[in-house]
Amino acid sequence: MDRLLNAERTSTLQRITSLTRQFDAIVESTVFTTNDDEHDPEGATVAFERAQVGALLAAAKRHLAAVDRAATRFLDGSYGVCERCGQAIPQERLAALPAVGTCIGCTSRNRR
């Protein structure tokens, strides 16, 4: 399972790098303009793109933190055990979501 977490961490770091470049490019493209986001149609598009990429970047950083928590659980022997109920998390779920910390039952109960 360590291989799966390493692959997940690598792909998440690549996503963060790519999104950071995109975000920086959007910001850089507006440095020398006087677009008024509120009144300029193009300004609103740039503001939307900046917000969208910013949100994706924040989500990727949260996912990286989750992967790191899963790696800690792997090292201490609690990886694959639900953090809420203590039951084993099925291997299929871990393969699909390597950073997951809860079983399907606890995840479902939490959404209600």
Foldseek 3Di string as FASTA:
>chain_A
DVVLLVVLLVVLVVLLVVLVVVLVVLVVVCPPPPDDCVPDPVSVVSVVSNVVSVVVNVVSVVLNVLSVVLVVCVVVVNRQAAPPPRHGADPVVCNVRVSDRHHPVVVVVVVD
